[in-house]
Protein backbone atom coordinates (compact mmCIF):
# COMPACT_ATOMS: atom_id res chain seq x y z
CA LEU A 1 136.10 116.26 115.68
CA PRO A 2 136.12 117.37 119.34
CA GLY A 3 133.64 120.07 120.25
CA SER A 4 136.39 122.24 121.73
CA VAL A 5 137.68 122.94 118.21
CA PHE A 6 134.63 125.11 117.51
CA LYS A 7 134.84 126.96 120.83
CA ILE A 8 136.58 129.90 119.18
CA LEU A 9 133.50 130.54 117.05
CA PHE A 10 131.32 131.65 119.99
CA LEU A 11 133.92 133.55 122.03
CA ASN A 12 133.70 137.30 122.43
CA GLN A 13 136.67 139.66 122.26
CA ASP A 14 136.97 139.67 126.04
CA GLY A 15 137.13 135.85 126.16
CA THR A 16 133.59 135.23 127.42
CA GLU A 17 131.20 132.85 125.72
CA ASP A 18 128.25 134.13 123.73
CA LYS A 19 125.36 131.86 124.76
CA GLU A 20 123.28 132.65 121.68
CA LYS A 21 126.12 131.79 119.31
CA LYS A 22 126.93 128.67 121.32
CA ARG A 23 123.33 127.49 121.09
CA ALA A 24 123.18 128.25 117.37
CA ILE A 25 126.43 126.41 116.64
CA GLY A 26 125.28 123.47 118.77
CA ASN A 27 122.03 123.25 116.82
CA LEU A 28 123.97 123.41 113.56
CA LEU A 29 126.79 120.94 114.27
CA ARG A 30 124.79 118.64 116.62
CA PRO A 31 127.57 117.05 118.72
CA ASP A 32 126.99 113.65 120.32
CA GLY A 33 126.85 112.77 124.02
CA HIS A 34 130.67 112.96 124.35
CA ASN A 35 130.77 116.47 122.83
CA ASN A 36 132.29 115.14 119.62
CA VAL A 37 131.10 116.07 116.13
CA PRO A 38 130.96 113.06 113.76
CA LEU A 39 132.27 113.70 110.27
CA VAL A 40 128.89 112.82 108.78
CA SER A 41 127.18 115.44 110.98
CA PHE A 42 129.82 118.01 110.05
CA VAL A 43 129.30 117.41 106.32
CA GLN A 44 125.52 117.53 106.73
CA SER A 45 125.84 120.83 108.63
CA CYS A 46 127.95 122.33 105.85
CA ASP A 47 125.42 121.14 103.29
CA THR A 48 122.59 122.69 105.32
CA VAL A 49 124.38 126.05 105.48
CA TYR A 50 125.07 125.94 101.75
CA LYS A 51 121.40 125.23 100.98
CA ARG A 52 120.28 128.06 103.24
CA LEU A 53 122.58 130.49 101.44
CA ARG A 54 121.30 129.36 98.03
CA TYR A 55 117.69 129.65 99.15
CA PHE A 56 118.40 133.05 100.68
CA ARG A 57 119.91 134.26 97.43
CA ALA A 58 116.94 132.95 95.45
CA SER A 59 114.50 134.53 97.92
CA VAL A 60 116.22 137.91 97.61
CA GLY A 61 116.06 137.75 93.82
CA ASN A 62 112.41 136.68 93.90
CA SER A 63 111.54 139.44 96.36
CA SER A 64 113.16 141.97 94.05
CA VAL A 65 110.98 140.79 91.17
CA ILE A 66 107.83 140.98 93.31
CA ASP A 67 108.77 144.46 94.56
CA HIS A 68 109.32 145.62 90.98
CA VAL A 69 105.85 144.41 89.94
CA LEU A 70 104.25 146.06 92.97
CA GLU A 71 106.12 149.26 92.20
CA SER A 72 104.72 149.22 88.65
CA ILE A 73 101.15 148.79 89.90
CA ILE A 74 101.50 151.55 92.49
CA ASN A 75 103.10 153.88 89.92
CA ALA A 76 100.17 153.37 87.53
CA ILE A 77 97.67 154.28 90.25
CA PHE A 78 99.78 157.26 91.32
CA TYR A 79 100.14 158.68 87.82
CA PHE A 80 96.41 158.26 87.17
CA ALA A 81 95.56 160.21 90.32
CA LEU A 82 98.24 162.78 89.46
CA GLY A 83 96.71 163.27 85.98
CA LEU A 84 93.28 163.95 87.49
CA LEU A 85 94.85 166.45 89.89
CA VAL A 86 96.65 168.28 87.06
CA LEU A 87 93.46 168.51 85.01
CA SER A 88 91.66 169.95 88.01
CA LEU A 89 94.39 172.54 88.53
CA LEU A 90 94.10 173.54 84.85
CA LYS A 91 90.39 174.05 85.43
CA LEU A 92 89.54 171.20 83.11
CA ASN A 93 86.75 168.95 84.27
CA PRO A 94 87.82 165.32 83.67
CA TRP A 95 84.55 163.84 84.99
CA PRO A 96 82.53 164.17 81.74
CA LEU A 97 85.21 162.06 80.03
CA LEU A 98 85.06 159.48 82.77
CA VAL A 99 81.23 159.41 82.70
CA SER A 100 81.28 158.88 78.94
CA THR A 101 83.50 155.85 79.39
CA SER A 102 81.52 154.56 82.37
CA THR A 103 79.45 152.27 80.14
CA LEU A 104 82.59 150.55 78.93
CA LEU A 105 83.96 150.39 82.46
CA VAL A 106 80.78 148.76 83.78
CA ALA A 107 80.77 146.18 80.99
CA GLY A 108 84.43 145.47 81.55
CA SER A 109 83.91 145.09 85.30
CA PHE A 110 81.36 142.32 84.72
CA ALA A 111 83.74 140.58 82.33
CA VAL A 112 86.97 140.75 84.32
CA GLY A 113 85.61 141.49 87.80
CA PRO A 114 85.90 137.95 89.22
CA SER A 115 89.35 137.50 87.71
CA CYS A 116 90.55 140.78 89.15
CA ALA A 117 89.13 139.88 92.55
CA LYS A 118 91.01 136.57 92.53
CA ALA A 119 94.18 138.25 91.35
CA VAL A 120 93.98 140.80 94.16
CA GLU A 121 93.33 137.99 96.66
CA GLY A 122 96.42 136.12 95.44
CA ILE A 123 98.53 139.26 95.68
CA LEU A 124 97.39 139.85 99.26
CA VAL A 125 98.34 136.25 100.16
CA ILE A 126 101.90 136.67 98.88
CA VAL A 127 102.46 140.25 100.00
CA GLY A 128 100.53 140.23 103.27
CA ARG A 129 100.65 136.70 104.66
CA ARG A 130 103.88 135.36 103.12
CA PRO A 131 103.06 131.74 104.10
CA TYR A 132 106.19 130.31 102.46
CA ASP A 133 109.52 131.20 100.88
CA ILE A 134 111.54 129.61 98.10
CA GLY A 135 112.88 126.21 99.17
CA ASP A 136 110.26 125.61 101.88
CA ARG A 137 108.48 122.27 102.12
CA ILE A 138 104.72 122.85 102.33
CA ILE A 139 101.58 120.71 102.54
CA ILE A 140 98.34 122.16 101.12
CA THR A 141 94.98 120.92 102.41
CA ASN A 142 91.49 122.24 101.82
CA SER A 143 90.13 121.49 105.30
CA PRO A 144 91.15 123.91 108.06
CA GLY A 145 91.12 121.12 110.65
CA GLY A 146 91.95 117.45 110.76
CA GLU A 147 95.22 115.57 110.56
CA VAL A 148 98.10 116.68 108.38
CA PRO A 149 98.62 114.45 105.31
CA PRO A 150 101.81 112.35 105.12
CA MET A 151 105.12 113.76 103.92
CA SER A 152 104.68 111.99 100.58
CA MET A 153 102.11 114.70 99.72
CA SER A 154 104.46 117.59 100.44
CA TRP A 155 105.70 120.13 97.87
CA ILE A 156 108.91 122.13 97.55
CA VAL A 157 108.49 125.81 96.58
CA GLU A 158 110.53 126.49 93.43
CA ASP A 159 109.37 129.99 92.42
CA ILE A 160 106.95 132.66 93.67
CA SER A 161 105.26 135.46 91.77
CA LEU A 162 102.35 137.76 92.54
CA PHE A 163 99.88 135.61 90.63
CA SER A 164 101.21 132.03 90.73
CA THR A 165 103.55 129.70 92.60
CA THR A 166 105.71 126.93 91.10
CA LEU A 167 105.91 123.77 93.19
CA ARG A 168 107.87 120.52 92.92
CA HIS A 169 106.28 117.33 94.25
CA ASN A 170 108.44 115.62 96.85
CA ALA A 171 107.63 112.01 95.90
CA SER A 172 107.50 112.14 92.08
CA ASN A 173 109.66 115.24 91.39
CA GLU A 174 106.89 116.72 89.22
CA ILE A 175 106.71 120.47 88.61
CA SER A 176 103.32 122.16 89.03
CA THR A 177 102.11 125.74 88.86
CA VAL A 178 99.16 126.86 90.97
CA SER A 179 97.36 130.16 91.22
CA ASN A 180 97.89 132.07 94.43
CA ALA A 181 94.17 132.77 94.59
CA SER A 182 93.38 129.01 94.55
CA ILE A 183 95.38 128.42 97.75
CA ALA A 184 94.30 131.63 99.50
CA GLY A 185 91.60 129.83 101.52
CA ALA A 186 93.53 126.57 102.02
CA ARG A 187 95.51 125.49 105.03
CA ILE A 188 99.23 125.69 104.26
CA THR A 189 101.56 123.75 106.55
CA ASN A 190 105.10 125.09 106.32
CA CYS A 191 107.51 122.34 107.39
CA ALA A 192 110.50 124.70 107.39
CA ARG A 193 108.87 126.84 110.07
CA SER A 194 107.76 123.83 112.16
CA LYS A 195 110.63 123.42 114.59
CA ASN A 196 111.53 120.10 116.27
CA ALA A 197 109.45 117.49 114.51
CA ILE A 198 107.55 115.09 116.79
CA VAL A 199 107.27 111.51 115.54
CA HIS A 200 104.68 109.00 116.77
CA MET A 201 104.98 105.22 117.01
CA VAL A 202 102.36 102.62 117.93
CA LEU A 203 103.84 99.76 119.98
CA LYS A 204 102.02 96.52 120.81
CA PHE A 205 102.97 94.37 123.80
CA HIS A 206 101.73 91.21 125.42
CA ILE A 207 99.44 91.69 128.38
CA SER A 208 102.12 90.18 130.63
CA CYS A 209 103.92 93.56 130.47
CA HIS A 210 101.56 94.75 133.22
CA LYS A 211 102.20 91.71 135.39
CA GLY A 212 105.15 93.36 137.08
CA SER A 213 105.01 96.86 138.51
CA ASN A 214 108.35 97.96 137.01
CA THR A 215 108.34 96.25 133.61
CA MET A 216 107.12 99.20 131.54
CA ALA A 217 109.07 101.67 133.70
CA ARG A 218 112.30 99.80 132.92
CA TYR A 219 111.28 99.64 129.26
CA LYS A 220 110.82 103.42 129.17
CA GLU A 221 114.19 103.91 130.87
CA GLY A 222 115.81 101.79 128.16
CA VAL A 223 114.26 103.92 125.42
CA GLU A 224 115.33 107.14 127.18
CA ALA A 225 118.90 105.85 127.53
CA HIS A 226 118.98 105.08 123.81
CA ILE A 227 117.69 108.60 123.00
CA HIS A 228 120.22 110.28 125.29
CA GLU A 229 123.02 108.45 123.47
CA MET A 230 122.08 110.31 120.27
CA PRO A 231 121.58 113.98 121.27
CA ASN A 232 122.40 115.09 117.72
CA ILE A 233 119.25 113.31 116.47
CA TRP A 234 116.69 113.21 119.31
CA ASP A 235 115.74 115.78 121.91
CA SER A 236 113.51 113.98 124.42
CA ILE A 237 110.44 111.78 124.86
CA PHE A 238 107.26 113.80 124.40
CA PHE A 239 105.00 111.14 125.96
CA PHE A 240 104.77 107.37 126.44
CA ARG A 241 101.32 106.16 127.44
CA CYS A 242 98.97 103.19 127.28
CA GLU A 243 96.13 103.70 124.80
CA ASP A 244 94.26 100.38 124.66
CA ILE A 245 94.07 97.01 126.43
CA ASP A 246 92.39 93.99 124.82
CA PRO A 247 92.14 91.14 127.39
CA ASP A 248 90.57 88.78 124.85
CA LYS A 249 93.56 89.02 122.49
CA GLU A 250 96.00 89.59 125.38
CA GLU A 251 97.18 92.75 123.61
CA VAL A 252 98.29 96.09 125.06
CA THR A 253 98.77 99.12 122.79
CA TYR A 254 101.15 101.96 123.71
CA ARG A 255 101.89 105.19 121.83
CA LEU A 256 105.37 106.70 121.91
CA ALA A 257 106.04 110.29 120.80
CA VAL A 258 109.61 111.57 120.53
CA ARG A 259 110.79 115.12 119.76
CA SER A 260 113.46 115.28 117.06
CA ARG A 261 116.30 117.76 116.67
CA TYR A 262 115.41 118.18 113.00
CA THR A 263 112.48 119.98 111.42
CA TRP A 264 110.00 118.44 109.01
CA GLN A 265 111.85 120.31 106.26
CA LEU A 266 114.31 117.39 106.39
CA SER A 267 111.54 114.82 106.41
CA SER A 268 113.68 112.08 104.84
CA ARG A 269 116.10 112.14 107.78
CA VAL A 270 113.30 112.35 110.32
CA LEU A 271 111.50 109.34 108.84
CA GLN A 272 114.72 107.35 108.58
CA TYR A 273 115.63 107.97 112.23
CA ARG A 274 112.05 107.18 113.27
CA GLY A 275 112.32 103.79 111.56
CA GLU A 276 115.59 103.05 113.36
CA LEU A 277 114.08 104.04 116.72
CA HIS A 278 110.99 101.90 116.05
CA GLN A 279 113.24 98.93 115.29
CA PHE A 280 115.11 99.46 118.57
CA CYS A 281 111.82 99.55 120.51
CA VAL A 282 110.76 96.23 118.98
CA GLU A 283 114.12 94.63 119.79
CA LEU A 284 113.90 95.93 123.35
CA ALA A 285 110.44 94.37 123.72
CA PHE A 286 111.91 91.00 122.68
CA LYS A 287 114.65 91.38 125.30
CA PHE A 288 112.06 92.04 128.00
CA GLY A 289 109.91 89.13 126.78
CA ILE A 290 106.81 91.31 126.30
CA ASN A 291 106.62 91.22 122.51
CA TYR A 292 103.18 90.54 121.08
CA ASN A 293 102.44 87.80 118.54
CA THR A 294 99.10 87.95 116.79
CA PRO A 295 97.25 84.63 117.32
CA ASN A 296 96.07 82.79 114.25
CA PRO A 297 92.28 82.45 113.76
CA ARG A 298 92.22 78.72 114.53
CA SER A 299 90.19 76.29 116.64
CA ILE A 300 91.90 73.70 118.86
CA MET A 301 90.50 70.15 118.86
CA TYR A 302 91.58 67.46 121.34
CA TYR A 303 91.03 63.72 120.83
CA GLY A 304 92.01 61.97 124.01
CA GLY A 305 94.80 64.47 124.67
CA SER A 306 95.82 66.39 127.78
CA LEU A 307 98.06 69.34 128.68
CA LEU A 308 101.56 68.65 129.91
CA ASP A 309 101.76 71.80 132.00
CA GLY A 310 99.70 74.89 132.65
CA GLY A 311 96.58 76.09 134.37
CA VAL A 312 94.42 79.08 135.01
CA LYS A 313 97.43 81.08 136.21
CA ASP A 314 99.17 81.06 132.83
CA TYR A 315 98.10 82.70 129.58
CA LYS A 316 96.12 80.74 127.04
CA THR A 317 98.48 81.61 124.19
CA ARG A 318 101.28 79.84 126.09
CA VAL A 319 99.21 76.94 127.42
CA LEU A 320 97.60 75.92 124.14
CA LYS A 321 100.75 75.07 122.24
CA ASN A 322 101.37 71.97 120.15
CA ASP A 323 104.34 70.90 122.29
CA ASN A 324 102.23 71.30 125.45
CA ILE A 325 99.54 68.83 124.33
CA GLN A 326 100.00 65.16 125.21
CA ASN A 327 98.04 62.59 123.18
CA ASN A 328 97.27 59.46 125.14
CA ASN A 329 95.36 57.51 122.49
CA GLU A 330 97.59 58.55 119.56
CA ILE A 331 94.54 59.44 117.50
CA PHE A 332 94.91 63.14 116.74
CA THR A 333 95.91 66.30 118.56
CA GLY A 334 96.52 69.57 116.81
CA LEU A 335 95.19 72.76 115.33
CA VAL A 336 92.48 72.90 112.71
CA PRO A 337 91.40 76.05 110.84
CA ASN A 338 88.00 77.51 111.65
CA ASN A 339 86.51 76.74 108.27
CA MET A 340 87.12 73.00 108.84
CA ALA A 341 86.42 72.81 112.56
CA LEU A 342 82.66 72.14 112.33
CA SER A 343 82.89 69.60 109.51
CA LEU A 344 85.76 67.74 111.19
CA LYS A 345 83.91 67.68 114.49
CA THR A 346 80.84 66.17 112.82
CA LYS A 347 82.91 63.58 111.01
CA SER A 348 84.84 62.72 114.16
CA LEU A 349 81.60 62.01 116.01
CA GLU A 350 80.46 59.76 113.19
CA GLU A 351 83.82 57.97 113.20
CA LYS A 352 83.65 57.52 116.97
CA GLU A 353 80.16 56.00 116.79
CA ALA A 354 81.27 53.71 113.98
CA VAL A 355 84.27 52.52 116.02
CA GLN A 356 82.07 51.81 119.05
CA GLU A 357 79.66 49.78 116.92
CA SER A 358 82.58 47.88 115.39
CA ASP A 359 84.04 47.11 118.85
CA THR A 360 80.65 45.87 120.07
CA TYR A 361 80.30 43.63 117.01
CA LYS A 362 83.82 42.23 117.52
CA ARG A 363 83.12 41.44 121.19
CA ASP A 364 79.95 39.60 120.29
CA ASP A 365 81.56 37.75 117.39
CA THR A 366 84.67 36.61 119.28
CA SER A 367 82.99 35.41 122.47
CA ASP A 368 84.12 31.81 121.86
CA VAL A 369 87.78 32.73 121.46
CA SER A 370 90.06 31.86 124.34
CA PRO A 371 91.10 34.88 126.41
CA THR A 372 94.66 33.53 126.60
CA GLU A 373 95.07 33.57 122.85
CA ASP A 374 97.83 36.01 121.78
CA ARG A 375 96.35 38.62 119.46
CA LYS A 376 97.78 41.82 118.06
CA VAL A 377 95.24 44.62 117.99
CA ASP A 378 95.90 47.67 115.88
CA PRO A 379 95.18 50.82 118.00
CA LEU A 380 94.02 52.65 114.88
CA SER A 381 91.10 51.35 112.90
CA SER A 382 90.76 51.81 109.17
CA ARG A 383 88.33 54.65 109.72
CA ASP A 384 90.78 56.39 112.05
CA LYS A 385 93.56 56.09 109.49
CA LYS A 386 91.26 57.44 106.80
CA PHE A 387 90.37 60.38 109.04
CA LEU A 388 94.06 61.16 109.74
CA SER A 389 94.97 60.93 106.05
CA MET A 390 92.16 63.39 105.23
CA ILE A 391 93.55 65.92 107.72
CA GLN A 392 97.09 65.48 106.43
CA GLU A 393 95.92 66.09 102.86
CA PHE A 394 94.12 69.26 104.00
CA HIS A 395 97.27 70.65 105.67
CA GLU A 396 99.40 69.77 102.65
């Protein structure tokens, strides 16, 4: 649907545009970069409005119940004070009656005092603070500081009363009832009131991304262009910065933070779009050739081999490849795990010494043989073949 269809909604009687209505309708319908409203976005907007109306109706009904209970409590206090005033006007002293019942009142205060204090504290939380409404997604934590738990630990408010709150767990759909006094001192994160969710992504690149001066700048421009193509989902990049560089592993860690158009109330959409954006960032890193591959914990052993190409100017992860190793003696060239490196090195030295002793013995034993005699010498001795078969069995 073209955005001009909804222009009549934010026009005044004199034909001028109401900027507040235009902004509100834009935030609701979320048109794309060409000022068109996709049908999916239109249906989602209608569903959002319908949910808001249902929650508003439920909140009004719940507020009426809470007001009725408060009215009953205030009426009881008022009528008690009014009774004392009437007795005073009739020249009847009500204090001896109260003093006679003071013993019972003191005993009752010790029995129900803590419960009454907690009940009053819970009432003050709901009436005074109003940290949430029906339908809000909240996260309850005991610590006032620290990071916010993941969205899988969030709750949806189903019902509110003066003394308890009914919650539905977001991940398991379980219904729980908690006392308002138990959450009075907790930190309550209201996702519905947290506008424009900010998502964070950790991106890892190869250290060659810093080789050129404009590599990461062009990478950031590509991410920004992708975000600007979806204005109905993303707002802008909050920050894109380098957080860690590990020269030994040739690893560079970046953190990307993007501001979303949605609130954390719609956490499922926010997390889905974050996954799609993360996938695009990884694909873009492959296009730029700066993707990072974690090296395996292996030791490289050379037996008469040499490198085909490479030097100190290239990176070791690209130089020490199997296809870049040339074996001159055709004995063995390859990668051996760390747990076998020491034992294989010891055995290879023993094999090498045994071969040298065998060659010396053969030279001494065949001194009377004519040098012109045609002989076929196997480049691999029996010990070498045994050594190679042992390595092949280990890899299998």
